[in-house]
């Protein structure tokens, strides 16, 4: 193996390592964003009022002859 082959191999290994590190950092960032979004959605669901806009007489009787 000559010097240029060793240099190319070394450069290739370094670039692969950098690409993997960047990909891992992007994955972690996207997971953080997803977790933040999920937390916001859960907070919004829990904070929603449970007041219904239905008249008070609805749901008091069951029609068994229908």
Protein backbone atom coordinates (compact mmCIF):
# COMPACT_ATOMS: atom_id res chain seq x y z
CA UNK A 1 0.00 0.00 0.00
CA UNK A 2 1.46 3.34 -0.99
CA UNK A 3 1.32 6.66 0.85
CA UNK A 4 -1.58 8.06 -1.20
CA UNK A 5 -3.67 4.95 -0.51
CA UNK A 6 -3.09 5.33 3.22
CA UNK A 7 -3.96 9.02 3.06
CA UNK A 8 -7.18 8.30 1.12
CA UNK A 9 -8.16 5.60 3.59
CA UNK A 10 -7.49 7.88 6.54
CA UNK A 11 -9.53 10.69 4.99
CA UNK A 12 -12.37 8.32 4.19
CA UNK A 13 -12.46 7.00 7.75
CA UNK A 14 -12.43 10.54 9.18
CA UNK A 15 -15.25 11.68 6.87
CA UNK A 16 -17.34 8.63 7.78
CA UNK A 17 -16.86 9.33 11.48
CA UNK A 18 -17.86 12.98 11.01
CA UNK A 19 -20.95 12.02 9.04
CA UNK A 20 -22.00 9.57 11.73
CA UNK A 21 -21.48 12.16 14.48
CA UNK A 22 -23.54 14.73 12.56
CA UNK A 23 -26.30 12.18 11.92
CA UNK A 24 -26.39 11.23 15.60
CA UNK A 25 -26.54 14.88 16.66
CA UNK A 26 -29.43 15.51 14.26
CA UNK A 27 -31.26 12.43 15.59
CA UNK A 28 -30.87 13.62 19.18
CA UNK A 29 -32.09 17.09 18.26
CA UNK A 30 -35.15 15.71 16.46
CA UNK A 31 -35.95 13.52 19.48
CA UNK A 32 -35.71 16.57 21.75
CA UNK A 33 -38.08 18.50 19.48
CA UNK A 34 -40.51 15.57 19.37
CA UNK A 35 -40.46 15.25 23.16
CA UNK A 36 -41.08 18.97 23.55
CA UNK A 37 -43.98 18.87 21.11
CA UNK A 38 -45.51 15.85 22.85
CA UNK A 39 -45.25 17.61 26.21
CA UNK A 40 -46.95 20.70 24.82
CA UNK A 41 -49.76 18.59 23.34
CA UNK A 42 -50.30 16.75 26.63
CA UNK A 43 -50.38 20.03 28.53
CA UNK A 44 -52.92 21.42 26.07
CA UNK A 45 -55.18 18.38 26.44
CA UNK A 46 -55.07 18.53 30.23
CA UNK A 47 -55.76 22.27 30.25
CA UNK A 48 -58.79 22.03 27.95
CA UNK A 49 -62.06 22.77 29.74
CA UNK A 50 -64.54 19.91 29.96
CA UNK A 51 -67.59 22.14 29.55
CA UNK A 52 -70.04 20.91 26.93
CA UNK A 53 -72.28 23.21 24.96
CA UNK A 54 -75.29 20.91 25.22
CA UNK A 55 -78.65 21.62 26.84
CA UNK A 56 -79.07 20.26 30.38
CA UNK A 57 -82.01 17.98 29.43
CA UNK A 58 -80.01 15.91 26.94
CA UNK A 59 -78.83 12.51 28.14
CA UNK A 60 -81.28 12.19 31.02
CA UNK A 61 -83.55 9.57 29.40
CA UNK A 62 -83.10 6.55 27.18
CA UNK A 63 -85.60 5.74 24.43
CA UNK A 64 -86.08 1.96 24.63
CA UNK A 65 -88.92 1.79 22.04
CA UNK A 66 -86.93 2.95 19.06
